[in-house]
Amino acid sequence: MSAPSTESVRSRAQALLVLAGLLERLERSSVPVDAAQYRTVVIRLSQALSEDWPQDLIDALLKAHPSTAELYENLHYAHAGLSRAPLDRSVESEQAARALLQQVARTTP
């Protein structure tokens, strides 16, 4: 089997980028989005993300497209857990939840 041509890799990477951008627009849309359209984009993007990509390309893509990063994390959860989630954000969320629970406990008779 021969290696894919540079043009083939470039066109697949462009398709991946277009799908990631489309998912971002759908996620941030102020108008209702058709569920079938959303599902189609997610399925195609999931398929594209399952291909073998250089890690630097994936890192740049996920940094620029948070919704795609979330999808990628979900697709790879079985192998990597929540490895792409910033630890600081997780810790801050846990601390905020704990503080809120303590506040509610103090004000509840």
PDB file of N, CA and C in Angstrom:
ATOM      1  N   MET A   1       0.846  -1.175   0.000  1.00  0.00           N
ATOM      2  CA  MET A   1       0.000   0.000   0.000  1.00  0.00           C
ATOM      3  C   MET A   1       0.890   1.236   0.000  1.00  0.00           C
ATOM      4  N   SER A   2       0.596   2.202  -0.832  1.00  0.00           N
ATOM      5  CA  SER A   2       1.430   3.394  -0.928  1.00  0.00           C
ATOM      6  C   SER A   2       0.975   4.451   0.069  1.00  0.00           C
ATOM      7  N   ALA A   3       1.903   5.343   0.377  1.00  0.00           N
ATOM      8  CA  ALA A   3       1.595   6.439   1.294  1.00  0.00           C
ATOM      9  C   ALA A   3       0.657   7.415   0.596  1.00  0.00           C
ATOM     10  N   PRO A   4      -0.233   8.056   1.366  1.00  0.00           N
ATOM     11  CA  PRO A   4      -1.144   9.020   0.748  1.00  0.00           C
ATOM     12  C   PRO A   4      -0.363  10.206   0.191  1.00  0.00           C
ATOM     13  N   SER A   5      -0.852  10.756  -0.886  1.00  0.00           N
ATOM     14  CA  SER A   5      -0.184  11.906  -1.495  1.00  0.00           C
ATOM     15  C   SER A   5      -0.353  13.134  -0.611  1.00  0.00           C
ATOM     16  N   THR A   6       0.546  14.089  -0.815  1.00  0.00           N
ATOM     17  CA  THR A   6       0.478  15.339  -0.059  1.00  0.00           C
ATOM     18  C   THR A   6      -0.851  16.033  -0.313  1.00  0.00           C
ATOM     19  N   GLU A   7      -1.299  15.994  -1.557  1.00  0.00           N
ATOM     20  CA  GLU A   7      -2.577  16.628  -1.908  1.00  0.00           C
ATOM     21  C   GLU A   7      -3.739  15.955  -1.184  1.00  0.00           C
ATOM     22  N   SER A   8      -3.701  14.643  -1.074  1.00  0.00           N
ATOM     23  CA  SER A   8      -4.748  13.903  -0.369  1.00  0.00           C
ATOM     24  C   SER A   8      -4.774  14.276   1.109  1.00  0.00           C
ATOM     25  N   VAL A   9      -3.607  14.342   1.720  1.00  0.00           N
ATOM     26  CA  VAL A   9      -3.524  14.712   3.139  1.00  0.00           C
ATOM     27  C   VAL A   9      -4.020  16.136   3.327  1.00  0.00           C
ATOM     28  N   ARG A  10      -3.627  17.030   2.431  1.00  0.00           N
ATOM     29  CA  ARG A  10      -4.050  18.428   2.530  1.00  0.00           C
ATOM     30  C   ARG A  10      -5.570  18.541   2.417  1.00  0.00           C
ATOM     31  N   SER A  11      -6.170  17.833   1.480  1.00  0.00           N
ATOM     32  CA  SER A  11      -7.626  17.932   1.309  1.00  0.00           C
ATOM     33  C   SER A  11      -8.359  17.322   2.506  1.00  0.00           C
ATOM     34  N   ARG A  12      -7.827  16.241   3.075  1.00  0.00           N
ATOM     35  CA  ARG A  12      -8.453  15.656   4.270  1.00  0.00           C
ATOM     36  C   ARG A  12      -8.327  16.604   5.461  1.00  0.00           C
ATOM     37  N   ALA A  13      -7.174  17.269   5.581  1.00  0.00           N
ATOM     38  CA  ALA A  13      -6.974  18.227   6.674  1.00  0.00           C
ATOM     39  C   ALA A  13      -7.909  19.424   6.511  1.00  0.00           C
ATOM     40  N   GLN A  14      -8.098  19.876   5.274  1.00  0.00           N
ATOM     41  CA  GLN A  14      -9.023  20.984   5.027  1.00  0.00           C
ATOM     42  C   GLN A  14     -10.452  20.585   5.383  1.00  0.00           C
ATOM     43  N   ALA A  15     -10.833  19.364   5.039  1.00  0.00           N
ATOM     44  CA  ALA A  15     -12.172  18.881   5.389  1.00  0.00           C
ATOM     45  C   ALA A  15     -12.335  18.818   6.906  1.00  0.00           C
ATOM     46  N   LEU A  16     -11.306  18.371   7.602  1.00  0.00           N
ATOM     47  CA  LEU A  16     -11.341  18.320   9.067  1.00  0.00           C
ATOM     48  C   LEU A  16     -11.534  19.719   9.643  1.00  0.00           C
ATOM     49  N   LEU A  17     -10.808  20.681   9.116  1.00  0.00           N
ATOM     50  CA  LEU A  17     -10.912  22.061   9.582  1.00  0.00           C
ATOM     51  C   LEU A  17     -12.300  22.643   9.310  1.00  0.00           C
ATOM     52  N   VAL A  18     -12.843  22.369   8.143  1.00  0.00           N
ATOM     53  CA  VAL A  18     -14.187  22.858   7.801  1.00  0.00           C
ATOM     54  C   VAL A  18     -15.227  22.260   8.747  1.00  0.00           C
ATOM     55  N   LEU A  19     -15.132  20.972   9.003  1.00  0.00           N
ATOM     56  CA  LEU A  19     -16.082  20.317   9.914  1.00  0.00           C
ATOM     57  C   LEU A  19     -15.970  20.878  11.327  1.00  0.00           C
ATOM     58  N   ALA A  20     -14.749  21.115  11.792  1.00  0.00           N
ATOM     59  CA  ALA A  20     -14.550  21.685  13.128  1.00  0.00           C
ATOM     60  C   ALA A  20     -15.155  23.085  13.205  1.00  0.00           C
ATOM     61  N   GLY A  21     -14.949  23.882  12.168  1.00  0.00           N
ATOM     62  CA  GLY A  21     -15.534  25.221  12.138  1.00  0.00           C
ATOM     63  C   GLY A  21     -17.050  25.177  12.093  1.00  0.00           C
ATOM     64  N   LEU A  22     -17.588  24.244  11.347  1.00  0.00           N
ATOM     65  CA  LEU A  22     -19.040  24.094  11.263  1.00  0.00           C
ATOM     66  C   LEU A  22     -19.628  23.691  12.612  1.00  0.00           C
ATOM     67  N   LEU A  23     -18.972  22.775  13.309  1.00  0.00           N
ATOM     68  CA  LEU A  23     -19.461  22.388  14.634  1.00  0.00           C
ATOM     69  C   LEU A  23     -19.453  23.584  15.575  1.00  0.00           C
ATOM     70  N   GLU A  24     -18.411  24.403  15.532  1.00  0.00           N
ATOM     71  CA  GLU A  24     -18.356  25.606  16.377  1.00  0.00           C
ATOM     72  C   GLU A  24     -19.541  26.523  16.080  1.00  0.00           C
ATOM     73  N   ARG A  25     -19.822  26.736  14.796  1.00  0.00           N
ATOM     74  CA  ARG A  25     -20.943  27.617  14.434  1.00  0.00           C
ATOM     75  C   ARG A  25     -22.278  27.041  14.899  1.00  0.00           C
ATOM     76  N   LEU A  26     -22.444  25.738  14.761  1.00  0.00           N
ATOM     77  CA  LEU A  26     -23.689  25.112  15.215  1.00  0.00           C
ATOM     78  C   LEU A  26     -23.832  25.217  16.730  1.00  0.00           C
ATOM     79  N   GLU A  27     -22.749  24.980  17.442  1.00  0.00           N
ATOM     80  CA  GLU A  27     -22.783  25.038  18.911  1.00  0.00           C
ATOM     81  C   GLU A  27     -23.107  26.442  19.415  1.00  0.00           C
ATOM     82  N   ARG A  28     -22.645  27.451  18.711  1.00  0.00           N
ATOM     83  CA  ARG A  28     -22.789  28.826  19.173  1.00  0.00           C
ATOM     84  C   ARG A  28     -23.932  29.571  18.492  1.00  0.00           C
ATOM     85  N   SER A  29     -24.719  28.856  17.722  1.00  0.00           N
ATOM     86  CA  SER A  29     -25.807  29.473  16.978  1.00  0.00           C
ATOM     87  C   SER A  29     -26.860  30.046  17.924  1.00  0.00           C
ATOM     88  N   SER A  30     -27.334  31.238  17.587  1.00  0.00           N
ATOM     89  CA  SER A  30     -28.387  31.858  18.397  1.00  0.00           C
ATOM     90  C   SER A  30     -29.778  31.423  17.932  1.00  0.00           C
ATOM     91  N   VAL A  31     -29.831  30.706  16.826  1.00  0.00           N
ATOM     92  CA  VAL A  31     -31.101  30.175  16.328  1.00  0.00           C
ATOM     93  C   VAL A  31     -31.087  28.655  16.468  1.00  0.00           C
ATOM     94  N   PRO A  32     -32.259  28.046  16.587  1.00  0.00           N
ATOM     95  CA  PRO A  32     -32.303  26.582  16.713  1.00  0.00           C
ATOM     96  C   PRO A  32     -31.625  25.892  15.526  1.00  0.00           C
ATOM     97  N   VAL A  33     -30.934  24.807  15.830  1.00  0.00           N
ATOM     98  CA  VAL A  33     -30.202  24.043  14.821  1.00  0.00           C
ATOM     99  C   VAL A  33     -30.933  22.732  14.580  1.00  0.00           C
ATOM    100  N   ASP A  34     -31.022  22.329  13.328  1.00  0.00           N
ATOM    101  CA  ASP A  34     -31.658  21.065  12.978  1.00  0.00           C
ATOM    102  C   ASP A  34     -30.853  19.910  13.572  1.00  0.00           C
ATOM    103  N   ALA A  35     -31.528  19.031  14.305  1.00  0.00           N
ATOM    104  CA  ALA A  35     -30.854  17.918  14.982  1.00  0.00           C
ATOM    105  C   ALA A  35     -30.170  16.983  13.999  1.00  0.00           C
ATOM    106  N   ALA A  36     -30.788  16.733  12.861  1.00  0.00           N
ATOM    107  CA  ALA A  36     -30.186  15.838  11.866  1.00  0.00           C
ATOM    108  C   ALA A  36     -28.906  16.445  11.295  1.00  0.00           C
ATOM    109  N   GLN A  37     -28.930  17.751  11.066  1.00  0.00           N
ATOM    110  CA  GLN A  37     -27.734  18.423  10.558  1.00  0.00           C
ATOM    111  C   GLN A  37     -26.612  18.344  11.591  1.00  0.00           C
ATOM    112  N   TYR A  38     -26.951  18.612  12.837  1.00  0.00           N
ATOM    113  CA  TYR A  38     -25.957  18.559  13.914  1.00  0.00           C
ATOM    114  C   TYR A  38     -25.364  17.153  14.013  1.00  0.00           C
ATOM    115  N   ARG A  39     -26.230  16.162  14.008  1.00  0.00           N
ATOM    116  CA  ARG A  39     -25.791  14.766  14.114  1.00  0.00           C
ATOM    117  C   ARG A  39     -24.873  14.393  12.949  1.00  0.00           C
ATOM    118  N   THR A  40     -25.221  14.825  11.746  1.00  0.00           N
ATOM    119  CA  THR A  40     -24.399  14.537  10.567  1.00  0.00           C
ATOM    120  C   THR A  40     -23.009  15.154  10.701  1.00  0.00           C
ATOM    121  N   VAL A  41     -22.954  16.395  11.156  1.00  0.00           N
ATOM    122  CA  VAL A  41     -21.656  17.061  11.333  1.00  0.00           C
ATOM    123  C   VAL A  41     -20.826  16.329  12.382  1.00  0.00           C
ATOM    124  N   VAL A  42     -21.443  15.963  13.493  1.00  0.00           N
ATOM    125  CA  VAL A  42     -20.712  15.271  14.560  1.00  0.00           C
ATOM    126  C   VAL A  42     -20.214  13.904  14.084  1.00  0.00           C
ATOM    127  N   ILE A  43     -21.031  13.183  13.352  1.00  0.00           N
ATOM    128  CA  ILE A  43     -20.616  11.862  12.847  1.00  0.00           C
ATOM    129  C   ILE A  43     -19.446  12.007  11.878  1.00  0.00           C
ATOM    130  N   ARG A  44     -19.558  12.934  10.955  1.00  0.00           N
ATOM    131  CA  ARG A  44     -18.470  13.119   9.972  1.00  0.00           C
ATOM    132  C   ARG A  44     -17.198  13.624  10.641  1.00  0.00           C
ATOM    133  N   LEU A  45     -17.353  14.526  11.597  1.00  0.00           N
ATOM    134  CA  LEU A  45     -16.181  15.028  12.314  1.00  0.00           C
ATOM    135  C   LEU A  45     -15.550  13.919  13.150  1.00  0.00           C
ATOM    136  N   SER A  46     -16.366  13.096  13.775  1.00  0.00           N
ATOM    137  CA  SER A  46     -15.850  11.959  14.548  1.00  0.00           C
ATOM    138  C   SER A  46     -15.052  11.014  13.655  1.00  0.00           C
ATOM    139  N   GLN A  47     -15.575  10.756  12.468  1.00  0.00           N
ATOM    140  CA  GLN A  47     -14.861   9.888  11.520  1.00  0.00           C
ATOM    141  C   GLN A  47     -13.531  10.514  11.112  1.00  0.00           C
ATOM    142  N   ALA A  48     -13.551  11.811  10.852  1.00  0.00           N
ATOM    143  CA  ALA A  48     -12.320  12.501  10.455  1.00  0.00           C
ATOM    144  C   ALA A  48     -11.300  12.501  11.591  1.00  0.00           C
ATOM    145  N   LEU A  49     -11.771  12.687  12.815  1.00  0.00           N
ATOM    146  CA  LEU A  49     -10.864  12.692  13.969  1.00  0.00           C
ATOM    147  C   LEU A  49     -10.276  11.314  14.245  1.00  0.00           C
ATOM    148  N   SER A  50     -10.933  10.272  13.771  1.00  0.00           N
ATOM    149  CA  SER A  50     -10.436   8.916  14.019  1.00  0.00           C
ATOM    150  C   SER A  50      -9.286   8.538  13.084  1.00  0.00           C
ATOM    151  N   GLU A  51      -9.044   9.369  12.074  1.00  0.00           N
ATOM    152  CA  GLU A  51      -7.923   9.111  11.167  1.00  0.00           C
ATOM    153  C   GLU A  51      -6.606   9.409  11.880  1.00  0.00           C
ATOM    154  N   ASP A  52      -5.527   8.949  11.295  1.00  0.00           N
ATOM    155  CA  ASP A  52      -4.202   9.159  11.864  1.00  0.00           C
ATOM    156  C   ASP A  52      -3.689  10.539  11.448  1.00  0.00           C
ATOM    157  N   TRP A  53      -3.589  11.452  12.417  1.00  0.00           N
ATOM    158  CA  TRP A  53      -3.150  12.820  12.160  1.00  0.00           C
ATOM    159  C   TRP A  53      -1.886  13.105  12.955  1.00  0.00           C
ATOM    160  N   PRO A  54      -1.040  14.008  12.454  1.00  0.00           N
ATOM    161  CA  PRO A  54       0.111  14.441  13.258  1.00  0.00           C
ATOM    162  C   PRO A  54      -0.388  15.122  14.539  1.00  0.00           C
ATOM    163  N   GLN A  55       0.267  14.858  15.649  1.00  0.00           N
ATOM    164  CA  GLN A  55      -0.188  15.387  16.931  1.00  0.00           C
ATOM    165  C   GLN A  55      -0.210  16.914  16.950  1.00  0.00           C
ATOM    166  N   ASP A  56       0.750  17.565  16.283  1.00  0.00           N
ATOM    167  CA  ASP A  56       0.754  19.027  16.283  1.00  0.00           C
ATOM    168  C   ASP A  56      -0.459  19.590  15.546  1.00  0.00           C
ATOM    169  N   LEU A  57      -0.926  18.907  14.513  1.00  0.00           N
ATOM    170  CA  LEU A  57      -2.135  19.332  13.811  1.00  0.00           C
ATOM    171  C   LEU A  57      -3.351  19.192  14.732  1.00  0.00           C
ATOM    172  N   ILE A  58      -3.455  18.053  15.407  1.00  0.00           N
ATOM    173  CA  ILE A  58      -4.578  17.832  16.334  1.00  0.00           C
ATOM    174  C   ILE A  58      -4.555  18.867  17.452  1.00  0.00           C
ATOM    175  N   ASP A  59      -3.386  19.111  18.031  1.00  0.00           N
ATOM    176  CA  ASP A  59      -3.283  20.080  19.123  1.00  0.00           C
ATOM    177  C   ASP A  59      -3.735  21.467  18.683  1.00  0.00           C
ATOM    178  N   ALA A  60      -3.289  21.908  17.512  1.00  0.00           N
ATOM    179  CA  ALA A  60      -3.676  23.227  17.003  1.00  0.00           C
ATOM    180  C   ALA A  60      -5.174  23.288  16.718  1.00  0.00           C
ATOM    181  N   LEU A  61      -5.705  22.238  16.120  1.00  0.00           N
ATOM    182  CA  LEU A  61      -7.137  22.186  15.807  1.00  0.00           C
ATOM    183  C   LEU A  61      -7.975  22.264  17.079  1.00  0.00           C
ATOM    184  N   LEU A  62      -7.611  21.483  18.075  1.00  0.00           N
ATOM    185  CA  LEU A  62      -8.401  21.432  19.303  1.00  0.00           C
ATOM    186  C   LEU A  62      -8.278  22.719  20.110  1.00  0.00           C
ATOM    187  N   LYS A  63      -7.139  23.369  20.027  1.00  0.00           N
ATOM    188  CA  LYS A  63      -6.966  24.644  20.723  1.00  0.00           C
ATOM    189  C   LYS A  63      -7.852  25.726  20.101  1.00  0.00           C
ATOM    190  N   ALA A  64      -7.990  25.681  18.786  1.00  0.00           N
ATOM    191  CA  ALA A  64      -8.775  26.695  18.072  1.00  0.00           C
ATOM    192  C   ALA A  64     -10.273  26.412  18.061  1.00  0.00           C
ATOM    193  N   HIS A  65     -10.672  25.166  18.325  1.00  0.00           N
ATOM    194  CA  HIS A  65     -12.078  24.765  18.227  1.00  0.00           C
ATOM    195  C   HIS A  65     -12.496  24.003  19.489  1.00  0.00           C
ATOM    196  N   PRO A  66     -12.965  24.716  20.518  1.00  0.00           N
ATOM    197  CA  PRO A  66     -13.313  24.075  21.791  1.00  0.00           C
ATOM    198  C   PRO A  66     -14.371  22.975  21.679  1.00  0.00           C
ATOM    199  N   SER A  67     -15.339  23.129  20.814  1.00  0.00           N
ATOM    200  CA  SER A  67     -16.369  22.090  20.672  1.00  0.00           C
ATOM    201  C   SER A  67     -15.776  20.814  20.091  1.00  0.00           C
ATOM    202  N   THR A  68     -14.855  20.968  19.174  1.00  0.00           N
ATOM    203  CA  THR A  68     -14.167  19.804  18.610  1.00  0.00           C
ATOM    204  C   THR A  68     -13.275  19.165  19.662  1.00  0.00           C
ATOM    205  N   ALA A  69     -12.654  19.987  20.506  1.00  0.00           N
ATOM    206  CA  ALA A  69     -11.821  19.450  21.591  1.00  0.00           C
ATOM    207  C   ALA A  69     -12.662  18.607  22.542  1.00  0.00           C
ATOM    208  N   GLU A  70     -13.864  19.079  22.830  1.00  0.00           N
ATOM    209  CA  GLU A  70     -14.763  18.324  23.709  1.00  0.00           C
ATOM    210  C   GLU A  70     -15.172  16.996  23.064  1.00  0.00           C
ATOM    211  N   LEU A  71     -15.485  17.034  21.784  1.00  0.00           N
ATOM    212  CA  LEU A  71     -15.832  15.810  21.059  1.00  0.00           C
ATOM    213  C   LEU A  71     -14.641  14.851  21.037  1.00  0.00           C
ATOM    214  N   TYR A  72     -13.462  15.366  20.756  1.00  0.00           N
ATOM    215  CA  TYR A  72     -12.248  14.548  20.707  1.00  0.00           C
ATOM    216  C   TYR A  72     -12.006  13.876  22.059  1.00  0.00           C
ATOM    217  N   GLU A  73     -12.172  14.643  23.120  1.00  0.00           N
ATOM    218  CA  GLU A  73     -11.989  14.096  24.470  1.00  0.00           C
ATOM    219  C   GLU A  73     -12.992  12.976  24.736  1.00  0.00           C
ATOM    220  N   ASN A  74     -14.226  13.178  24.340  1.00  0.00           N
ATOM    221  CA  ASN A  74     -15.247  12.137  24.528  1.00  0.00           C
ATOM    222  C   ASN A  74     -14.933  10.889  23.712  1.00  0.00           C
ATOM    223  N   LEU A  75     -14.442  11.079  22.500  1.00  0.00           N
ATOM    224  CA  LEU A  75     -14.108   9.939  21.646  1.00  0.00           C
ATOM    225  C   LEU A  75     -12.930   9.131  22.190  1.00  0.00           C
ATOM    226  N   HIS A  76     -12.022   9.803  22.890  1.00  0.00           N
ATOM    227  CA  HIS A  76     -10.813   9.149  23.383  1.00  0.00           C
ATOM    228  C   HIS A  76     -10.836   8.922  24.892  1.00  0.00           C
ATOM    229  N   TYR A  77     -11.989   9.081  25.514  1.00  0.00           N
ATOM    230  CA  TYR A  77     -12.099   8.957  26.968  1.00  0.00           C
ATOM    231  C   TYR A  77     -11.651   7.586  27.466  1.00  0.00           C
ATOM    232  N   ALA A  78     -12.000   6.534  26.754  1.00  0.00           N
ATOM    233  CA  ALA A  78     -11.653   5.172  27.195  1.00  0.00           C
ATOM    234  C   ALA A  78     -10.147   4.975  27.301  1.00  0.00           C
ATOM    235  N   HIS A  79      -9.398   5.700  26.497  1.00  0.00           N
ATOM    236  CA  HIS A  79      -7.949   5.525  26.486  1.00  0.00           C
ATOM    237  C   HIS A  79      -7.226   6.571  27.323  1.00  0.00           C
ATOM    238  N   ALA A  80      -7.737   7.790  27.333  1.00  0.00           N
ATOM    239  CA  ALA A  80      -6.985   8.884  27.944  1.00  0.00           C
ATOM    240  C   ALA A  80      -7.716   9.587  29.077  1.00  0.00           C
ATOM    241  N   GLY A  81      -8.954   9.238  29.333  1.00  0.00           N
ATOM    242  CA  GLY A  81      -9.702   9.954  30.361  1.00  0.00           C
ATOM    243  C   GLY A  81      -9.917  11.396  29.936  1.00  0.00           C
ATOM    244  N   LEU A  82      -9.983  12.263  30.900  1.00  0.00           N
ATOM    245  CA  LEU A  82     -10.185  13.681  30.602  1.00  0.00           C
ATOM    246  C   LEU A  82      -8.842  14.393  30.528  1.00  0.00           C
ATOM    247  N   SER A  83      -7.934  13.838  29.774  1.00  0.00           N
ATOM    248  CA  SER A  83      -6.569  14.354  29.734  1.00  0.00           C
ATOM    249  C   SER A  83      -6.455  15.725  29.087  1.00  0.00           C
ATOM    250  N   ARG A  84      -7.411  16.137  28.284  1.00  0.00           N
ATOM    251  CA  ARG A  84      -7.328  17.435  27.629  1.00  0.00           C
ATOM    252  C   ARG A  84      -7.973  18.535  28.469  1.00  0.00           C
ATOM    253  N   ALA A  85      -8.715  18.169  29.511  1.00  0.00           N
ATOM    254  CA  ALA A  85      -9.369  19.171  30.347  1.00  0.00           C
ATOM    255  C   ALA A  85      -8.330  19.822  31.254  1.00  0.00           C
ATOM    256  N   PRO A  86      -8.271  21.143  31.262  1.00  0.00           N
ATOM    257  CA  PRO A  86      -7.316  21.816  32.131  1.00  0.00           C
ATOM    258  C   PRO A  86      -7.598  21.505  33.600  1.00  0.00           C
ATOM    259  N   LEU A  87      -6.569  21.088  34.307  1.00  0.00           N
ATOM    260  CA  LEU A  87      -6.714  20.717  35.706  1.00  0.00           C
ATOM    261  C   LEU A  87      -7.152  21.910  36.548  1.00  0.00           C
ATOM    262  N   ASP A  88      -6.594  23.094  36.270  1.00  0.00           N
ATOM    263  CA  ASP A  88      -6.961  24.281  37.043  1.00  0.00           C
ATOM    264  C   ASP A  88      -8.458  24.543  36.979  1.00  0.00           C
ATOM    265  N   ARG A  89      -9.040  24.409  35.804  1.00  0.00           N
ATOM    266  CA  ARG A  89     -10.477  24.651  35.647  1.00  0.00           C
ATOM    267  C   ARG A  89     -11.280  23.635  36.446  1.00  0.00           C
ATOM    268  N   SER A  90     -10.843  22.387  36.448  1.00  0.00           N
ATOM    269  CA  SER A  90     -11.541  21.345  37.202  1.00  0.00           C
ATOM    270  C   SER A  90     -11.464  21.610  38.696  1.00  0.00           C
ATOM    271  N   VAL A  91     -10.293  21.992  39.168  1.00  0.00           N
ATOM    272  CA  VAL A  91     -10.108  22.280  40.594  1.00  0.00           C
ATOM    273  C   VAL A  91     -10.945  23.485  40.996  1.00  0.00           C
ATOM    274  N   GLU A  92     -10.937  24.540  40.175  1.00  0.00           N
ATOM    275  CA  GLU A  92     -11.731  25.733  40.477  1.00  0.00           C
ATOM    276  C   GLU A  92     -13.218  25.401  40.543  1.00  0.00           C
ATOM    277  N   SER A  93     -13.693  24.564  39.640  1.00  0.00           N
ATOM    278  CA  SER A  93     -15.105  24.165  39.646  1.00  0.00           C
ATOM    279  C   SER A  93     -15.448  23.409  40.920  1.00  0.00           C
ATOM    280  N   GLU A  94     -14.569  22.503  41.310  1.00  0.00           N
ATOM    281  CA  GLU A  94     -14.812  21.738  42.533  1.00  0.00           C
ATOM    282  C   GLU A  94     -14.804  22.646  43.760  1.00  0.00           C
ATOM    283  N   GLN A  95     -13.879  23.585  43.822  1.00  0.00           N
ATOM    284  CA  GLN A  95     -13.818  24.508  44.952  1.00  0.00           C
ATOM    285  C   GLN A  95     -15.052  25.403  44.996  1.00  0.00           C
ATOM    286  N   ALA A  96     -15.512  25.867  43.851  1.00  0.00           N
ATOM    287  CA  ALA A  96     -16.705  26.712  43.802  1.00  0.00           C
ATOM    288  C   ALA A  96     -17.933  25.930  44.256  1.00  0.00           C
ATOM    289  N   ALA A  97     -18.049  24.686  43.838  1.00  0.00           N
ATOM    290  CA  ALA A  97     -19.180  23.852  44.260  1.00  0.00           C
ATOM    291  C   ALA A  97     -19.139  23.621  45.762  1.00  0.00           C
ATOM    292  N   ARG A  98     -17.962  23.341  46.294  1.00  0.00           N
ATOM    293  CA  ARG A  98     -17.823  23.120  47.737  1.00  0.00           C
ATOM    294  C   ARG A  98     -18.200  24.382  48.521  1.00  0.00           C
ATOM    295  N   ALA A  99     -17.735  25.548  48.057  1.00  0.00           N
ATOM    296  CA  ALA A  99     -18.051  26.808  48.732  1.00  0.00           C
ATOM    297  C   ALA A  99     -19.551  27.083  48.701  1.00  0.00           C
ATOM    298  N   LEU A 100     -20.187  26.819  47.574  1.00  0.00           N
ATOM    299  CA  LEU A 100     -21.629  27.028  47.463  1.00  0.00           C
ATOM    300  C   LEU A 100     -22.388  26.100  48.404  1.00  0.00           C
ATOM    301  N   LEU A 101     -21.986  24.845  48.472  1.00  0.00           N
ATOM    302  CA  LEU A 101     -22.640  23.896  49.381  1.00  0.00           C
ATOM    303  C   LEU A 101     -22.476  24.316  50.837  1.00  0.00           C
ATOM    304  N   GLN A 102     -21.307  24.820  51.193  1.00  0.00           N
ATOM    305  CA  GLN A 102     -21.085  25.291  52.563  1.00  0.00           C
ATOM    306  C   GLN A 102     -21.949  26.509  52.861  1.00  0.00           C
ATOM    307  N   GLN A 103     -22.068  27.412  51.893  1.00  0.00           N
ATOM    308  CA  GLN A 103     -22.896  28.600  52.068  1.00  0.00           C
ATOM    309  C   GLN A 103     -24.359  28.210  52.249  1.00  0.00           C
ATOM    310  N   VAL A 104     -24.835  27.292  51.445  1.00  0.00           N
ATOM    311  CA  VAL A 104     -26.219  26.829  51.553  1.00  0.00           C
ATOM    312  C   VAL A 104     -26.437  26.152  52.900  1.00  0.00           C
ATOM    313  N   ALA A 105     -25.491  25.372  53.347  1.00  0.00           N
ATOM    314  CA  ALA A 105     -25.616  24.677  54.633  1.00  0.00           C
ATOM    315  C   ALA A 105     -25.689  25.672  55.787  1.00  0.00           C
ATOM    316  N   ARG A 106     -24.941  26.777  55.700  1.00  0.00           N
ATOM    317  CA  ARG A 106     -24.955  27.784  56.773  1.00  0.00           C
ATOM    318  C   ARG A 106     -26.258  28.570  56.804  1.00  0.00           C
ATOM    319  N   THR A 107     -26.873  28.795  55.643  1.00  0.00           N
ATOM    320  CA  THR A 107     -28.074  29.629  55.595  1.00  0.00           C
ATOM    321  C   THR A 107     -29.366  28.835  55.718  1.00  0.00           C
ATOM    322  N   THR A 108     -29.276  27.514  55.659  1.00  0.00           N
ATOM    323  CA  THR A 108     -30.470  26.680  55.770  1.00  0.00           C
ATOM    324  C   THR A 108     -30.712  26.356  57.240  1.00  0.00           C
ATOM    325  N   PRO A 109     -31.947  26.664  57.734  1.00  0.00           N
ATOM    326  CA  PRO A 109     -32.220  26.399  59.157  1.00  0.00           C
ATOM    327  C   PRO A 109     -32.353  24.927  59.462  1.00  0.00           C
TER     328      PRO A 109
END
